Amino acid sequence: MNTHLCRKIILKLVPFTNKYLDQSVGVFFFPLGIVLCRYFESEKIDFTGKKVLELGSGTGIVGILTVLLGGDVTMTDRPYVLKQIEYNILANIPVSSRHRSKIRALAWGSDQNSFPTDFDIILGSDIVYSPSQFPNLIQTLLYFCKDKTVIYLCSDVKYREGSAEFHEDLLPVQFHSQLIHTSGSSCIYKVTKKVSDDED
């Protein structure tokens, strides 16, 4: 497996500077996305045959890498971010693999019901940062997460408001969560949904 895909993607990413985006979202590629990408590469994770949903794709770096590692990936974000994701897909994913990438707008807690629920894997990097959105995020995760769905969340538990509380207190109410990697204050969690016969 090529272990330098993440670096190659970074070099081709265009930061969010066009008319579709404001200065509050994605002006630079997200460092937490890079942490998650490097983890996938170092662990040689193969997404071949997996149906993947990325929440809050931003530049699309994680979703793009996941396509390059074999996944069938739907990248989601707010509507004005989608043009930039599309540009970065065209710059990084070969024509022969682009059929495995999709882009859709998704507002957490609002329109997830218009999506299918057959995803094998859900990804999120730097999406745990706004406590007012935590209920919507959890509602969205519950909708998409079935018994065998695996979620990878990469969060900054030190510098993102409420992130530690989200992972330590809120998420464990309805999900099993395992810390699987740290890089400074960046933490990667592997999350699965609790089922009715799980023991607390």
N, C-alpha and C. Protein backbone atom coordinates (compact mmCIF):
# COMPACT_ATOMS: atom_id res chain seq x y z
N MET A 1 0.84 -1.20 0.00
CA MET A 1 0.00 0.00 0.00
C MET A 1 0.87 1.24 0.00
N ASN A 2 0.51 2.23 -0.78
CA ASN A 2 1.22 3.49 -0.80
C ASN A 2 0.98 4.22 0.51
N THR A 3 2.05 4.48 1.29
CA THR A 3 1.90 5.11 2.59
C THR A 3 2.09 6.63 2.53
N HIS A 4 2.15 7.17 1.34
CA HIS A 4 2.35 8.62 1.21
C HIS A 4 1.17 9.29 0.50
N LEU A 5 0.03 8.63 0.46
CA LEU A 5 -1.14 9.21 -0.21
C LEU A 5 -1.58 10.49 0.46
N CYS A 6 -1.57 10.53 1.80
CA CYS A 6 -2.01 11.70 2.53
C CYS A 6 -1.18 12.92 2.13
N ARG A 7 0.12 12.77 2.07
CA ARG A 7 1.00 13.88 1.70
C ARG A 7 0.71 14.36 0.29
N LYS A 8 0.48 13.43 -0.62
CA LYS A 8 0.17 13.80 -2.00
C LYS A 8 -1.13 14.57 -2.10
N ILE A 9 -2.14 14.16 -1.31
CA ILE A 9 -3.42 14.85 -1.33
C ILE A 9 -3.26 16.27 -0.81
N ILE A 10 -2.51 16.43 0.30
CA ILE A 10 -2.32 17.75 0.89
C ILE A 10 -1.74 18.72 -0.13
N LEU A 11 -0.79 18.26 -0.91
CA LEU A 11 -0.13 19.14 -1.88
C LEU A 11 -1.08 19.61 -2.97
N LYS A 12 -2.17 18.86 -3.19
CA LYS A 12 -3.11 19.22 -4.25
C LYS A 12 -4.38 19.91 -3.74
N LEU A 13 -4.50 20.01 -2.42
CA LEU A 13 -5.70 20.65 -1.87
C LEU A 13 -5.65 22.15 -2.10
N VAL A 14 -6.79 22.70 -2.44
CA VAL A 14 -6.93 24.14 -2.54
C VAL A 14 -7.74 24.61 -1.34
N PRO A 15 -7.19 25.54 -0.55
CA PRO A 15 -7.94 26.00 0.63
C PRO A 15 -9.20 26.73 0.23
N PHE A 16 -10.08 26.87 1.19
CA PHE A 16 -11.38 27.47 0.93
C PHE A 16 -11.26 28.99 0.77
N THR A 17 -11.16 29.46 -0.45
CA THR A 17 -11.03 30.90 -0.67
C THR A 17 -12.00 31.40 -1.73
N ASN A 18 -12.87 30.53 -2.25
CA ASN A 18 -13.75 30.99 -3.31
C ASN A 18 -15.05 31.57 -2.77
N LYS A 19 -15.90 32.02 -3.66
CA LYS A 19 -17.11 32.75 -3.26
C LYS A 19 -18.13 31.89 -2.53
N TYR A 20 -17.96 30.56 -2.58
CA TYR A 20 -18.94 29.69 -1.94
C TYR A 20 -18.69 29.54 -0.44
N LEU A 21 -17.54 30.01 0.04
CA LEU A 21 -17.15 29.72 1.41
C LEU A 21 -16.79 30.98 2.17
N ASP A 22 -16.97 30.91 3.49
CA ASP A 22 -16.57 32.06 4.30
C ASP A 22 -15.31 31.72 5.09
N GLN A 23 -14.82 32.66 5.86
CA GLN A 23 -13.56 32.48 6.57
C GLN A 23 -13.68 31.59 7.80
N SER A 24 -14.90 31.22 8.18
CA SER A 24 -15.09 30.46 9.42
C SER A 24 -14.96 28.95 9.22
N VAL A 25 -14.95 28.50 8.00
CA VAL A 25 -14.91 27.06 7.76
C VAL A 25 -13.83 26.71 6.76
N GLY A 26 -12.90 25.88 7.16
CA GLY A 26 -11.99 25.25 6.21
C GLY A 26 -11.06 26.17 5.47
N VAL A 27 -10.62 27.27 6.05
CA VAL A 27 -9.67 28.12 5.35
C VAL A 27 -8.39 27.34 5.08
N PHE A 28 -8.04 26.47 5.99
CA PHE A 28 -6.91 25.57 5.79
C PHE A 28 -7.43 24.14 5.93
N PHE A 29 -6.70 23.17 5.36
CA PHE A 29 -7.11 21.80 5.56
C PHE A 29 -6.99 21.49 7.05
N PHE A 30 -7.90 20.70 7.57
CA PHE A 30 -7.97 20.48 9.00
C PHE A 30 -6.87 19.53 9.48
N PRO A 31 -6.05 19.95 10.47
CA PRO A 31 -5.02 19.07 11.01
C PRO A 31 -5.57 17.75 11.51
N LEU A 32 -6.79 17.74 12.09
CA LEU A 32 -7.35 16.49 12.59
C LEU A 32 -7.65 15.53 11.46
N GLY A 33 -8.00 16.07 10.30
CA GLY A 33 -8.19 15.21 9.13
C GLY A 33 -6.90 14.52 8.75
N ILE A 34 -5.80 15.24 8.86
CA ILE A 34 -4.50 14.65 8.55
C ILE A 34 -4.15 13.57 9.55
N VAL A 35 -4.44 13.81 10.83
CA VAL A 35 -4.19 12.78 11.86
C VAL A 35 -4.95 11.51 11.53
N LEU A 36 -6.21 11.64 11.14
CA LEU A 36 -7.01 10.46 10.82
C LEU A 36 -6.49 9.77 9.57
N CYS A 37 -6.11 10.55 8.56
CA CYS A 37 -5.55 9.96 7.34
C CYS A 37 -4.28 9.18 7.63
N ARG A 38 -3.41 9.77 8.40
CA ARG A 38 -2.13 9.10 8.72
C ARG A 38 -2.36 7.83 9.52
N TYR A 39 -3.39 7.84 10.37
CA TYR A 39 -3.72 6.63 11.12
C TYR A 39 -4.16 5.53 10.16
N PHE A 40 -5.05 5.85 9.24
CA PHE A 40 -5.51 4.85 8.28
C PHE A 40 -4.35 4.27 7.48
N GLU A 41 -3.42 5.14 7.09
CA GLU A 41 -2.27 4.66 6.32
C GLU A 41 -1.34 3.81 7.17
N SER A 42 -1.04 4.26 8.39
CA SER A 42 -0.10 3.52 9.23
C SER A 42 -0.65 2.15 9.63
N GLU A 43 -1.98 2.08 9.78
CA GLU A 43 -2.61 0.81 10.15
C GLU A 43 -2.97 -0.04 8.93
N LYS A 44 -2.66 0.50 7.75
CA LYS A 44 -2.93 -0.20 6.49
C LYS A 44 -4.40 -0.65 6.39
N ILE A 45 -5.28 0.25 6.72
CA ILE A 45 -6.71 -0.05 6.68
C ILE A 45 -7.19 -0.06 5.24
N ASP A 46 -7.85 -1.13 4.86
CA ASP A 46 -8.35 -1.31 3.49
C ASP A 46 -9.86 -1.12 3.50
N PHE A 47 -10.34 -0.14 2.74
CA PHE A 47 -11.76 0.15 2.69
C PHE A 47 -12.45 -0.50 1.49
N THR A 48 -11.75 -1.36 0.81
CA THR A 48 -12.32 -1.99 -0.38
C THR A 48 -13.64 -2.69 -0.06
N GLY A 49 -14.66 -2.37 -0.85
CA GLY A 49 -15.96 -2.99 -0.66
C GLY A 49 -16.80 -2.38 0.45
N LYS A 50 -16.29 -1.36 1.11
CA LYS A 50 -17.01 -0.74 2.22
C LYS A 50 -17.75 0.52 1.74
N LYS A 51 -18.96 0.66 2.23
CA LYS A 51 -19.74 1.86 1.95
C LYS A 51 -19.53 2.82 3.11
N VAL A 52 -19.00 4.01 2.80
CA VAL A 52 -18.51 4.93 3.82
C VAL A 52 -19.24 6.27 3.73
N LEU A 53 -19.57 6.83 4.89
CA LEU A 53 -20.16 8.16 4.97
C LEU A 53 -19.21 9.04 5.77
N GLU A 54 -18.87 10.22 5.21
CA GLU A 54 -18.07 11.17 5.97
C GLU A 54 -18.95 12.36 6.34
N LEU A 55 -18.95 12.71 7.63
CA LEU A 55 -19.68 13.86 8.13
C LEU A 55 -18.73 15.05 8.21
N GLY A 56 -19.20 16.23 7.82
CA GLY A 56 -18.38 17.43 7.91
C GLY A 56 -17.08 17.30 7.16
N SER A 57 -17.16 17.01 5.87
CA SER A 57 -15.98 16.66 5.09
C SER A 57 -14.96 17.79 4.95
N GLY A 58 -15.41 19.04 5.02
CA GLY A 58 -14.45 20.14 4.90
C GLY A 58 -13.78 20.17 3.54
N THR A 59 -12.46 20.02 3.52
CA THR A 59 -11.74 19.96 2.25
C THR A 59 -11.95 18.64 1.54
N GLY A 60 -12.38 17.62 2.29
CA GLY A 60 -12.56 16.29 1.71
C GLY A 60 -11.35 15.40 1.83
N ILE A 61 -10.32 15.83 2.57
CA ILE A 61 -9.07 15.06 2.61
C ILE A 61 -9.29 13.64 3.11
N VAL A 62 -10.11 13.45 4.15
CA VAL A 62 -10.32 12.10 4.69
C VAL A 62 -11.11 11.25 3.71
N GLY A 63 -12.18 11.82 3.17
CA GLY A 63 -12.99 11.08 2.21
C GLY A 63 -12.22 10.72 0.96
N ILE A 64 -11.38 11.65 0.49
CA ILE A 64 -10.56 11.39 -0.70
C ILE A 64 -9.60 10.24 -0.45
N LEU A 65 -8.91 10.27 0.69
CA LEU A 65 -8.00 9.17 1.01
C LEU A 65 -8.75 7.86 1.09
N THR A 66 -9.95 7.88 1.68
CA THR A 66 -10.73 6.66 1.83
C THR A 66 -11.13 6.08 0.48
N VAL A 67 -11.44 6.94 -0.49
CA VAL A 67 -11.70 6.47 -1.85
C VAL A 67 -10.44 5.81 -2.42
N LEU A 68 -9.30 6.47 -2.24
CA LEU A 68 -8.03 5.93 -2.76
C LEU A 68 -7.65 4.62 -2.09
N LEU A 69 -8.19 4.38 -0.88
CA LEU A 69 -7.95 3.12 -0.18
C LEU A 69 -9.07 2.11 -0.43
N GLY A 70 -9.89 2.38 -1.45
CA GLY A 70 -10.85 1.38 -1.91
C GLY A 70 -12.29 1.61 -1.56
N GLY A 71 -12.60 2.61 -0.74
CA GLY A 71 -13.97 2.79 -0.27
C GLY A 71 -14.90 3.43 -1.28
N ASP A 72 -16.19 3.20 -1.07
CA ASP A 72 -17.26 3.86 -1.81
C ASP A 72 -17.79 4.93 -0.86
N VAL A 73 -17.41 6.20 -1.09
CA VAL A 73 -17.53 7.23 -0.07
C VAL A 73 -18.52 8.33 -0.46
N THR A 74 -19.41 8.65 0.47
CA THR A 74 -20.29 9.80 0.34
C THR A 74 -19.78 10.88 1.29
N MET A 75 -19.32 12.00 0.74
CA MET A 75 -18.80 13.11 1.53
C MET A 75 -19.89 14.15 1.71
N THR A 76 -20.08 14.60 2.94
CA THR A 76 -21.17 15.53 3.24
C THR A 76 -20.66 16.75 3.99
N ASP A 77 -21.36 17.84 3.78
CA ASP A 77 -21.09 19.08 4.52
C ASP A 77 -22.21 20.05 4.21
N ARG A 78 -22.04 21.30 4.63
CA ARG A 78 -23.02 22.33 4.32
C ARG A 78 -22.96 22.67 2.84
N PRO A 79 -24.06 23.14 2.29
CA PRO A 79 -24.13 23.32 0.83
C PRO A 79 -23.02 24.16 0.23
N TYR A 80 -22.61 25.24 0.90
CA TYR A 80 -21.61 26.12 0.29
C TYR A 80 -20.20 25.55 0.32
N VAL A 81 -20.00 24.42 1.00
CA VAL A 81 -18.69 23.77 1.05
C VAL A 81 -18.51 22.78 -0.11
N LEU A 82 -19.61 22.35 -0.71
CA LEU A 82 -19.57 21.23 -1.65
C LEU A 82 -18.75 21.50 -2.90
N LYS A 83 -18.74 22.73 -3.39
CA LYS A 83 -17.98 23.04 -4.59
C LYS A 83 -16.48 22.83 -4.37
N GLN A 84 -16.01 23.17 -3.17
CA GLN A 84 -14.60 22.99 -2.87
C GLN A 84 -14.26 21.51 -2.76
N ILE A 85 -15.14 20.72 -2.15
CA ILE A 85 -14.91 19.28 -2.07
C ILE A 85 -14.83 18.70 -3.49
N GLU A 86 -15.75 19.13 -4.33
CA GLU A 86 -15.76 18.64 -5.71
C GLU A 86 -14.45 18.97 -6.42
N TYR A 87 -13.95 20.17 -6.24
CA TYR A 87 -12.68 20.57 -6.86
C TYR A 87 -11.55 19.66 -6.38
N ASN A 88 -11.50 19.42 -5.06
CA ASN A 88 -10.42 18.60 -4.52
C ASN A 88 -10.53 17.14 -4.93
N ILE A 89 -11.75 16.65 -5.14
CA ILE A 89 -11.92 15.30 -5.67
C ILE A 89 -11.34 15.22 -7.07
N LEU A 90 -11.67 16.19 -7.91
CA LEU A 90 -11.16 16.19 -9.29
C LEU A 90 -9.64 16.28 -9.32
N ALA A 91 -9.05 16.97 -8.34
CA ALA A 91 -7.60 17.14 -8.31
C ALA A 91 -6.87 15.92 -7.77
N ASN A 92 -7.57 15.05 -7.05
CA ASN A 92 -6.89 13.98 -6.33
C ASN A 92 -7.31 12.56 -6.67
N ILE A 93 -8.51 12.38 -7.19
CA ILE A 93 -9.00 11.03 -7.45
C ILE A 93 -8.96 10.75 -8.94
N PRO A 94 -8.28 9.69 -9.36
CA PRO A 94 -8.24 9.36 -10.79
C PRO A 94 -9.64 9.12 -11.35
N VAL A 95 -9.78 9.41 -12.63
CA VAL A 95 -11.07 9.24 -13.29
C VAL A 95 -11.62 7.83 -13.08
N SER A 96 -10.74 6.86 -13.07
CA SER A 96 -11.17 5.46 -12.95
C SER A 96 -11.79 5.14 -11.59
N SER A 97 -11.57 6.02 -10.58
CA SER A 97 -12.09 5.75 -9.24
C SER A 97 -13.16 6.74 -8.80
N ARG A 98 -13.42 7.76 -9.60
CA ARG A 98 -14.34 8.82 -9.17
C ARG A 98 -15.78 8.34 -8.99
N HIS A 99 -16.13 7.24 -9.64
CA HIS A 99 -17.50 6.72 -9.47
C HIS A 99 -17.74 6.26 -8.04
N ARG A 100 -16.67 6.10 -7.26
CA ARG A 100 -16.80 5.68 -5.87
C ARG A 100 -16.83 6.86 -4.90
N SER A 101 -16.95 8.07 -5.44
CA SER A 101 -17.06 9.26 -4.59
C SER A 101 -18.35 10.00 -4.91
N LYS A 102 -19.05 10.41 -3.86
CA LYS A 102 -20.28 11.18 -4.00
C LYS A 102 -20.21 12.36 -3.05
N ILE A 103 -20.94 13.43 -3.38
CA ILE A 103 -20.98 14.63 -2.54
C ILE A 103 -22.44 15.00 -2.31
N ARG A 104 -22.79 15.21 -1.04
CA ARG A 104 -24.17 15.62 -0.74
C ARG A 104 -24.18 16.58 0.45
N ALA A 105 -25.12 17.49 0.43
CA ALA A 105 -25.33 18.36 1.59
C ALA A 105 -26.03 17.57 2.69
N LEU A 106 -25.64 17.84 3.92
CA LEU A 106 -26.27 17.18 5.06
C LEU A 106 -26.26 18.13 6.26
N ALA A 107 -27.43 18.44 6.77
CA ALA A 107 -27.57 19.21 8.00
C ALA A 107 -27.89 18.24 9.12
N TRP A 108 -27.01 18.14 10.11
CA TRP A 108 -27.19 17.18 11.20
C TRP A 108 -28.51 17.43 11.93
N GLY A 109 -29.20 16.35 12.23
CA GLY A 109 -30.44 16.45 12.99
C GLY A 109 -31.60 16.99 12.19
N SER A 110 -31.40 17.20 10.89
CA SER A 110 -32.44 17.82 10.08
C SER A 110 -32.83 16.97 8.88
N ASP A 111 -31.87 16.69 8.00
CA ASP A 111 -32.22 16.00 6.75
C ASP A 111 -31.53 14.66 6.55
N GLN A 112 -31.03 14.07 7.64
CA GLN A 112 -30.38 12.76 7.49
C GLN A 112 -31.37 11.68 7.04
N ASN A 113 -32.65 11.90 7.28
CA ASN A 113 -33.65 10.89 6.90
C ASN A 113 -33.77 10.72 5.39
N SER A 114 -33.19 11.63 4.62
CA SER A 114 -33.21 11.50 3.16
C SER A 114 -32.07 10.63 2.65
N PHE A 115 -31.23 10.13 3.57
CA PHE A 115 -30.09 9.29 3.21
C PHE A 115 -30.39 7.82 3.48
N PRO A 116 -29.72 6.93 2.76
CA PRO A 116 -29.84 5.50 3.10
C PRO A 116 -29.14 5.22 4.43
N THR A 117 -29.37 4.05 4.98
CA THR A 117 -28.77 3.70 6.27
C THR A 117 -27.93 2.44 6.18
N ASP A 118 -27.35 2.21 5.00
CA ASP A 118 -26.59 0.97 4.81
C ASP A 118 -25.08 1.21 4.78
N PHE A 119 -24.62 2.23 5.50
CA PHE A 119 -23.19 2.51 5.53
C PHE A 119 -22.48 1.56 6.48
N ASP A 120 -21.31 1.09 6.05
CA ASP A 120 -20.49 0.22 6.90
C ASP A 120 -19.65 1.03 7.88
N ILE A 121 -19.21 2.20 7.42
CA ILE A 121 -18.28 3.01 8.20
C ILE A 121 -18.71 4.48 8.13
N ILE A 122 -18.61 5.17 9.26
CA ILE A 122 -18.86 6.60 9.33
C ILE A 122 -17.58 7.28 9.81
N LEU A 123 -17.22 8.37 9.15
CA LEU A 123 -15.99 9.10 9.49
C LEU A 123 -16.33 10.52 9.90
N GLY A 124 -15.55 11.04 10.85
CA GLY A 124 -15.70 12.44 11.23
C GLY A 124 -14.41 12.95 11.84
N SER A 125 -13.85 14.00 11.25
CA SER A 125 -12.65 14.62 11.82
C SER A 125 -12.95 16.09 12.10
N ASP A 126 -12.69 16.50 13.32
CA ASP A 126 -12.92 17.87 13.77
C ASP A 126 -14.39 18.27 13.61
N ILE A 127 -15.28 17.36 13.95
CA ILE A 127 -16.71 17.70 13.90
C ILE A 127 -17.30 17.88 15.30
N VAL A 128 -16.50 17.63 16.33
CA VAL A 128 -16.97 17.78 17.71
C VAL A 128 -16.37 19.08 18.26
N TYR A 129 -17.03 20.20 18.00
CA TYR A 129 -16.47 21.50 18.41
C TYR A 129 -17.53 22.51 18.83
N SER A 130 -18.80 22.20 18.65
CA SER A 130 -19.86 23.15 18.97
C SER A 130 -20.91 22.48 19.85
N PRO A 131 -20.87 22.72 21.17
CA PRO A 131 -21.82 22.05 22.07
C PRO A 131 -23.28 22.21 21.66
N SER A 132 -23.63 23.31 21.04
CA SER A 132 -25.02 23.49 20.62
C SER A 132 -25.43 22.49 19.55
N GLN A 133 -24.44 21.93 18.84
CA GLN A 133 -24.72 20.96 17.78
C GLN A 133 -24.61 19.51 18.25
N PHE A 134 -24.18 19.29 19.48
CA PHE A 134 -23.99 17.91 19.94
C PHE A 134 -25.26 17.08 19.87
N PRO A 135 -26.43 17.59 20.29
CA PRO A 135 -27.65 16.77 20.17
C PRO A 135 -27.95 16.39 18.72
N ASN A 136 -27.75 17.32 17.79
CA ASN A 136 -27.99 17.02 16.37
C ASN A 136 -26.98 16.01 15.85
N LEU A 137 -25.73 16.13 16.27
CA LEU A 137 -24.71 15.18 15.84
C LEU A 137 -25.03 13.78 16.36
N ILE A 138 -25.39 13.67 17.61
CA ILE A 138 -25.72 12.36 18.17
C ILE A 138 -26.95 11.78 17.48
N GLN A 139 -27.96 12.60 17.21
CA GLN A 139 -29.14 12.13 16.49
C GLN A 139 -28.76 11.60 15.12
N THR A 140 -27.86 12.29 14.46
CA THR A 140 -27.42 11.86 13.13
C THR A 140 -26.64 10.55 13.20
N LEU A 141 -25.76 10.44 14.17
CA LEU A 141 -25.00 9.20 14.34
C LEU A 141 -25.93 8.03 14.64
N LEU A 142 -26.93 8.25 15.47
CA LEU A 142 -27.88 7.18 15.79
C LEU A 142 -28.65 6.74 14.55
N TYR A 143 -28.99 7.68 13.70
CA TYR A 143 -29.72 7.34 12.48
C TYR A 143 -28.89 6.45 11.56
N PHE A 144 -27.63 6.81 11.39
CA PHE A 144 -26.79 6.09 10.43
C PHE A 144 -26.15 4.82 11.00
N CYS A 145 -25.99 4.77 12.29
CA CYS A 145 -25.23 3.68 12.89
C CYS A 145 -26.12 2.48 13.19
N LYS A 146 -25.87 1.40 12.49
CA LYS A 146 -26.58 0.14 12.72
C LYS A 146 -25.69 -0.78 13.57
N ASP A 147 -26.16 -1.99 13.81
CA ASP A 147 -25.46 -2.88 14.75
C ASP A 147 -23.99 -3.10 14.39
N LYS A 148 -23.68 -3.18 13.09
CA LYS A 148 -22.31 -3.50 12.69
C LYS A 148 -21.55 -2.31 12.11
N THR A 149 -22.15 -1.12 12.17
CA THR A 149 -21.49 0.08 11.66
C THR A 149 -20.35 0.48 12.59
N VAL A 150 -19.24 0.88 12.01
CA VAL A 150 -18.09 1.36 12.78
C VAL A 150 -17.90 2.86 12.49
N ILE A 151 -17.74 3.64 13.55
CA ILE A 151 -17.51 5.08 13.43
C ILE A 151 -16.08 5.38 13.87
N TYR A 152 -15.37 6.19 13.07
CA TYR A 152 -14.07 6.72 13.47
C TYR A 152 -14.22 8.23 13.65
N LEU A 153 -13.99 8.72 14.86
CA LEU A 153 -14.04 10.14 15.14
C LEU A 153 -12.67 10.62 15.60
N CYS A 154 -12.19 11.69 14.99
CA CYS A 154 -10.92 12.29 15.40
C CYS A 154 -11.23 13.68 15.96
N SER A 155 -10.92 13.88 17.23
CA SER A 155 -11.29 15.12 17.91
C SER A 155 -10.11 15.67 18.71
N ASP A 156 -10.11 16.98 18.88
CA ASP A 156 -9.14 17.64 19.75
C ASP A 156 -9.81 17.84 21.10
N VAL A 157 -9.47 17.00 22.04
CA VAL A 157 -10.18 17.01 23.33
C VAL A 157 -9.69 18.11 24.26
N LYS A 158 -8.62 18.79 23.90
CA LYS A 158 -8.08 19.85 24.75
C LYS A 158 -8.54 21.23 24.31
N TYR A 159 -8.52 21.47 23.01
CA TYR A 159 -8.73 22.83 22.51
C TYR A 159 -10.10 23.06 21.86
N ARG A 160 -10.90 22.03 21.70
CA ARG A 160 -12.24 22.19 21.14
C ARG A 160 -13.26 22.18 22.27
N GLU A 161 -14.04 23.23 22.37
CA GLU A 161 -14.99 23.38 23.46
C GLU A 161 -15.96 22.20 23.55
N GLY A 162 -16.00 21.59 24.71
CA GLY A 162 -16.95 20.52 24.97
C GLY A 162 -16.56 19.17 24.41
N SER A 163 -15.43 19.09 23.73
CA SER A 163 -15.06 17.83 23.08
C SER A 163 -14.85 16.70 24.09
N ALA A 164 -14.14 16.99 25.17
CA ALA A 164 -13.89 15.95 26.18
C ALA A 164 -15.21 15.48 26.79
N GLU A 165 -16.10 16.40 27.09
CA GLU A 165 -17.41 16.03 27.65
C GLU A 165 -18.21 15.18 26.66
N PHE A 166 -18.16 15.55 25.39
CA PHE A 166 -18.88 14.79 24.37
C PHE A 166 -18.42 13.33 24.36
N HIS A 167 -17.11 13.13 24.35
CA HIS A 167 -16.57 11.77 24.24
C HIS A 167 -16.65 10.99 25.55
N GLU A 168 -16.54 11.69 26.67
CA GLU A 168 -16.51 10.99 27.96
C GLU A 168 -17.89 10.79 28.58
N ASP A 169 -18.82 11.73 28.30
CA ASP A 169 -20.11 11.69 28.98
C ASP A 169 -21.31 11.49 28.04
N LEU A 170 -21.36 12.24 26.95
CA LEU A 170 -22.53 12.20 26.09
C LEU A 170 -22.56 10.98 25.19
N LEU A 171 -21.47 10.75 24.48
CA LEU A 171 -21.42 9.64 23.52
C LEU A 171 -21.63 8.27 24.18
N PRO A 172 -21.01 7.99 25.33
CA PRO A 172 -21.15 6.66 25.94
C PRO A 172 -22.55 6.29 26.39
N VAL A 173 -23.48 7.24 26.43
CA VAL A 173 -24.85 6.90 26.82
C VAL A 173 -25.45 5.90 25.83
N GLN A 174 -25.17 6.09 24.53
CA GLN A 174 -25.78 5.23 23.51
C GLN A 174 -24.77 4.51 22.61
N PHE A 175 -23.49 4.74 22.86
CA PHE A 175 -22.46 4.13 22.02
C PHE A 175 -21.33 3.56 22.87
N HIS A 176 -20.70 2.52 22.33
CA HIS A 176 -19.42 2.06 22.87
C HIS A 176 -18.33 2.88 22.20
N SER A 177 -17.39 3.39 22.97
CA SER A 177 -16.35 4.24 22.42
C SER A 177 -14.99 3.81 22.96
N GLN A 178 -14.05 3.59 22.06
CA GLN A 178 -12.71 3.15 22.44
C GLN A 178 -11.67 4.12 21.87
N LEU A 179 -10.82 4.65 22.73
CA LEU A 179 -9.73 5.51 22.28
C LEU A 179 -8.66 4.61 21.67
N ILE A 180 -8.37 4.79 20.37
CA ILE A 180 -7.45 3.88 19.69
C ILE A 180 -6.15 4.54 19.25
N HIS A 181 -6.09 5.88 19.32
CA HIS A 181 -4.85 6.56 18.88
C HIS A 181 -4.85 7.98 19.41
N THR A 182 -3.67 8.44 19.81
CA THR A 182 -3.51 9.85 20.21
C THR A 182 -2.31 10.44 19.49
N SER A 183 -2.42 11.74 19.21
CA SER A 183 -1.31 12.51 18.64
C SER A 183 -1.42 13.90 19.24
N GLY A 184 -0.64 14.16 20.28
CA GLY A 184 -0.81 15.39 21.03
C GLY A 184 -2.18 15.38 21.69
N SER A 185 -2.97 16.43 21.47
CA SER A 185 -4.33 16.48 22.03
C SER A 185 -5.37 15.92 21.07
N SER A 186 -4.91 15.42 19.91
CA SER A 186 -5.81 14.82 18.94
C SER A 186 -6.04 13.35 19.29
N CYS A 187 -7.29 12.98 19.36
CA CYS A 187 -7.65 11.61 19.76
C CYS A 187 -8.55 10.97 18.71
N ILE A 188 -8.26 9.73 18.38
CA ILE A 188 -9.12 8.98 17.47
C ILE A 188 -9.88 7.93 18.28
N TYR A 189 -11.20 7.95 18.10
CA TYR A 189 -12.08 7.01 18.79
C TYR A 189 -12.74 6.07 17.78
N LYS A 190 -12.82 4.81 18.15
CA LYS A 190 -13.56 3.83 17.38
C LYS A 190 -14.87 3.59 18.13
N VAL A 191 -15.98 3.85 17.44
CA VAL A 191 -17.28 3.91 18.10
C VAL A 191 -18.26 2.94 17.43
N THR A 192 -19.03 2.25 18.25
CA THR A 192 -20.12 1.41 17.75
C THR A 192 -21.36 1.66 18.59
N LYS A 193 -22.50 1.37 18.01
CA LYS A 193 -23.76 1.62 18.69
C LYS A 193 -24.06 0.52 19.70
N LYS A 194 -24.55 0.91 20.87
CA LYS A 194 -25.00 -0.09 21.83
C LYS A 194 -26.28 -0.72 21.33
N VAL A 195 -26.39 -2.03 21.52
CA VAL A 195 -27.62 -2.73 21.15
C VAL A 195 -28.33 -3.16 22.42
N SER A 196 -29.57 -3.57 22.29
CA SER A 196 -30.43 -3.79 23.45
C SER A 196 -29.89 -4.81 24.44
N ASP A 197 -29.12 -5.80 23.95
CA ASP A 197 -28.63 -6.83 24.88
C ASP A 197 -27.23 -6.55 25.38
N ASP A 198 -26.70 -5.33 25.08
CA ASP A 198 -25.39 -4.97 25.61
C ASP A 198 -25.50 -4.76 27.12
N GLU A 199 -24.42 -5.11 27.78
CA GLU A 199 -24.35 -4.83 29.21
C GLU A 199 -23.69 -3.46 29.40
N ASP A 200 -24.12 -2.73 30.39
CA ASP A 200 -23.53 -1.42 30.68
C ASP A 200 -22.15 -1.60 31.29
